[in-house]
Protein backbone atom coordinates (compact mmCIF):
# COMPACT_ATOMS: atom_id res chain seq x y z
CA MET A 1 0.00 0.00 0.00
CA SER A 2 2.78 2.47 0.81
CA GLU A 3 4.04 2.47 -2.80
CA TRP A 4 1.09 4.51 -4.05
CA ILE A 5 0.81 6.82 -1.04
CA THR A 6 3.65 8.98 -2.35
CA GLU A 7 1.62 9.46 -5.52
CA ALA A 8 -1.70 9.86 -3.70
CA SER A 9 -1.53 13.63 -3.87
CA GLY A 10 -0.23 13.86 -7.42
CA ASP A 11 3.17 15.20 -8.36
CA LEU A 12 4.42 18.77 -8.07
CA MET A 13 4.29 19.27 -11.84
CA SER A 14 0.60 18.33 -11.88
CA TYR A 15 -0.13 21.05 -9.33
CA LEU A 16 1.98 23.61 -11.18
CA ARG A 17 0.15 22.78 -14.40
CA THR A 18 -3.22 22.98 -12.65
CA PHE A 19 -2.51 26.39 -11.15
CA LEU A 20 -0.49 27.76 -14.08
CA PRO A 21 -3.24 30.20 -15.20
CA TRP A 22 -3.34 31.69 -11.69
CA ILE A 23 0.45 31.94 -11.60
CA VAL A 24 0.45 33.69 -14.99
CA PHE A 25 -2.23 36.12 -13.83
CA ALA A 26 -0.36 36.92 -10.61
CA ALA A 27 3.02 37.26 -12.35
CA LEU A 28 1.97 39.76 -15.02
CA PRO A 29 1.90 43.48 -14.18
CA SER A 30 -1.30 44.48 -12.40
CA GLY A 31 -1.58 47.65 -14.51
CA ASP A 32 -2.26 45.41 -17.51
CA TRP A 33 -4.85 43.30 -15.73
CA GLN A 34 -7.03 42.84 -18.82
CA TRP A 35 -4.07 41.29 -20.69
CA ALA A 36 -3.12 39.25 -17.65
CA ALA A 37 -6.67 37.88 -17.44
CA LEU A 38 -6.65 37.09 -21.17
CA ALA A 39 -3.24 35.40 -20.91
CA ALA A 40 -4.50 33.34 -17.96
CA LEU A 41 -7.58 32.34 -19.96
CA VAL A 42 -5.44 31.24 -22.91
CA VAL A 43 -3.20 29.22 -20.58
CA ALA A 44 -6.25 27.65 -18.85
CA VAL A 45 -7.72 26.55 -22.19
CA ALA A 46 -4.34 25.24 -23.38
CA VAL A 47 -3.92 23.21 -20.18
CA ILE A 48 -7.44 21.77 -20.53
CA VAL A 49 -6.84 20.78 -24.16
CA GLN A 50 -3.45 19.25 -23.34
CA GLN A 51 -4.88 17.30 -20.40
CA ILE A 52 -7.88 16.01 -22.37
CA ARG A 53 -5.53 14.84 -25.13
CA SER A 54 -3.49 12.96 -22.53
CA GLY A 55 -6.62 11.17 -21.31
CA VAL A 56 -7.53 13.17 -18.18
CA GLY A 57 -11.26 13.07 -17.45
CA PRO A 58 -13.47 15.89 -16.19
CA ASP A 59 -12.87 14.95 -12.53
CA GLY A 60 -9.19 15.70 -13.09
CA LEU A 61 -9.94 19.12 -14.55
CA ILE A 62 -12.07 20.70 -11.84
CA ILE A 63 -9.71 23.59 -11.12
CA GLU A 64 -8.76 24.00 -14.79
CA ILE A 65 -12.37 24.32 -15.97
CA GLY A 66 -13.19 26.70 -13.11
CA SER A 67 -10.09 28.71 -14.00
CA ALA A 68 -11.17 29.08 -17.62
CA VAL A 69 -14.64 30.26 -16.61
CA PHE A 70 -13.25 32.73 -14.07
CA PHE A 71 -10.65 34.22 -16.40
CA ALA A 72 -13.15 34.47 -19.27
CA ALA A 73 -15.43 36.52 -17.01
CA LEU A 74 -12.58 38.59 -15.60
CA ALA A 75 -11.14 39.32 -19.06
CA GLY A 76 -14.59 40.39 -20.23
CA ILE A 77 -14.95 42.79 -17.31
CA ALA A 78 -11.38 44.09 -17.64
CA PHE A 79 -11.62 44.80 -21.36
CA ALA A 80 -15.09 46.35 -21.02
CA ASP A 81 -13.87 48.72 -18.29
CA PRO A 82 -10.12 48.72 -17.56
CA ASP A 83 -10.75 51.16 -14.69
CA SER A 84 -13.37 48.94 -13.06
CA GLY A 85 -13.33 48.67 -9.27
CA VAL A 86 -13.04 44.91 -9.81
CA HIS A 87 -9.36 45.47 -10.60
CA ALA A 88 -8.46 46.28 -6.99
CA TYR A 89 -10.20 43.12 -5.80
CA SER A 90 -9.07 40.80 -8.62
CA ALA A 91 -6.53 38.93 -6.47
CA ALA A 92 -9.08 38.47 -3.67
CA LEU A 93 -11.67 37.34 -6.22
CA SER A 94 -9.15 34.87 -7.64
CA ALA A 95 -8.55 33.29 -4.24
CA GLY A 96 -12.27 33.41 -3.49
CA THR A 97 -13.04 31.61 -6.74
CA LEU A 98 -10.51 28.90 -5.90
CA THR A 99 -12.14 28.60 -2.47
CA VAL A 100 -15.54 28.02 -4.06
CA ILE A 101 -14.22 25.54 -6.63
CA ALA A 102 -12.28 23.54 -4.02
CA GLY A 103 -15.09 23.75 -1.46
CA VAL A 104 -17.73 22.58 -3.94
CA SER A 105 -15.47 19.71 -5.01
CA LEU A 106 -15.38 18.60 -1.35
CA ALA A 107 -19.12 19.09 -0.89
CA ILE A 108 -19.98 16.89 -3.86
CA GLY A 109 -17.52 14.20 -2.78
CA LYS A 110 -15.01 14.78 -5.59
CA PRO A 111 -12.08 16.60 -3.97
CA PHE A 112 -10.14 18.37 -6.71
CA THR A 113 -6.84 16.81 -5.58
CA LEU A 114 -8.31 13.36 -6.24
CA GLY A 115 -8.36 14.09 -9.97
CA ILE A 116 -4.78 15.34 -9.83
CA ALA A 117 -3.66 12.27 -7.85
CA LYS A 118 -5.29 9.90 -10.32
CA ARG A 119 -2.87 11.13 -12.98
CA THR A 120 0.04 9.43 -11.19
CA THR A 121 -1.66 6.66 -9.23
CA PRO A 122 -2.61 3.15 -10.44
CA ARG A 123 -6.32 2.80 -11.26
CA GLU A 124 -6.77 -0.08 -8.78
CA VAL A 125 -6.29 2.26 -5.78
CA TRP A 126 -8.65 5.04 -6.90
CA GLY A 127 -11.59 3.63 -4.95
CA LEU A 128 -9.66 2.74 -1.78
CA LYS A 129 -10.79 4.61 1.34
CA PRO A 130 -7.26 5.66 2.41
CA PHE A 131 -6.61 7.15 -1.05
CA ILE A 132 -9.85 9.12 -0.94
CA ARG A 133 -9.32 10.19 2.69
CA ILE A 134 -5.81 11.50 1.95
CA ASN A 135 -7.26 13.65 -0.83
CA VAL A 136 -10.17 14.89 1.27
CA VAL A 137 -7.68 16.13 3.87
CA ILE A 138 -5.40 17.70 1.26
CA THR A 139 -8.29 19.40 -0.55
CA GLY A 140 -9.60 20.67 2.80
CA VAL A 141 -6.26 22.30 3.53
CA TRP A 142 -6.11 23.88 0.06
CA THR A 143 -9.68 25.16 0.51
CA ALA A 144 -8.85 26.71 3.89
CA ALA A 145 -5.67 28.29 2.47
CA PHE A 146 -7.59 29.78 -0.45
CA ALA A 147 -10.29 31.13 1.88
CA LEU A 148 -7.79 32.73 4.24
CA THR A 149 -5.88 34.20 1.29
CA ALA A 150 -9.10 35.65 -0.14
CA VAL A 151 -10.02 37.32 3.15
CA VAL A 152 -6.56 38.82 3.70
CA LEU A 153 -6.37 40.05 0.09
CA ALA A 154 -9.83 41.60 0.37
CA PHE A 155 -8.73 43.50 3.48
CA LEU A 156 -5.59 44.67 1.69
CA ALA A 157 -7.63 45.77 -1.32
CA HIS A 158 -10.04 47.66 0.94
CA ALA A 159 -7.04 49.37 2.56
CA GLY A 160 -5.71 50.44 -0.84
CA SER A 161 -2.86 47.93 -0.92
CA ALA A 162 -4.29 45.50 -3.47
CA HIS A 163 -1.20 45.47 -5.66
CA SER A 164 1.45 45.82 -2.98
CA THR A 165 4.43 43.63 -2.25
CA LEU A 166 2.58 42.34 0.81
CA ALA A 167 -0.37 41.29 -1.38
CA THR A 168 2.00 39.42 -3.69
CA LEU A 169 3.61 37.65 -0.73
CA ILE A 170 0.16 36.67 0.58
CA GLN A 171 -0.70 35.22 -2.83
CA VAL A 172 2.54 33.23 -2.94
CA ALA A 173 1.95 31.94 0.60
CA GLY A 174 -1.60 30.97 -0.36
CA PHE A 175 -0.13 28.45 -2.82
CA ALA A 176 3.18 27.59 -1.16
CA LEU A 177 1.85 26.67 2.29
CA PRO A 178 -0.76 24.12 1.13
CA MET A 179 1.81 22.69 -1.29
CA ILE A 180 4.27 22.21 1.58
CA PHE A 181 1.48 20.67 3.67
CA THR A 182 0.61 18.30 0.81
CA VAL A 183 4.18 17.03 0.52
CA ARG A 184 4.65 16.67 4.28
CA TYR A 185 1.25 15.11 4.92
CA VAL A 186 1.78 12.47 2.26
CA ALA A 187 5.26 11.75 3.67
CA HIS A 188 3.71 11.39 7.15
CA VAL A 189 1.00 9.01 5.93
CA GLN A 190 3.61 7.01 4.03
CA ALA A 191 5.86 6.74 7.10
CA LYS A 192 2.89 5.47 9.15
CA ALA A 193 2.03 2.90 6.48
CA VAL A 194 5.63 1.64 6.33
CA ALA A 195 5.75 1.38 10.13
CA ARG A 196 2.72 -0.90 10.06
């Protein structure tokens, strides 16, 4: 059993690919937010197409599909009114959207990390309770991290610091901390399984 536990959360590259549109959006200059949103949309669609071609099913594309919908809406708003008040809250809205996507995936019993983990895990373990439980915990942590990030970024936006260095650091932490948890949690579960 311990052989697949390492893969039960998916690999780092799968997570980077999944969140690539959000990374692109955060990395591009905030003054060009309409182009950043469009670039993120293009990346989201490209990732979806690439993943479908490699055989990934819809349950493995929960974040990617949500990303495409979000960035299509955001690009539409940004191009329609580049001076929109949405701009100041775009980072908070991004984290809030990820919170909703991840939270809904938990609520419907299809944690988004399960789809990512299936990409690197043998099919025969997909239905095992420990495999599902690991991914429920991991998705719960990601959801909490996204929610906390959204709240902090909303406060920063309200205070006029939406595009500050602190806001950028909060965004980075909102992805880095759950990623670190994912790696350490899986290592912990694997160590317990080996000890048994």
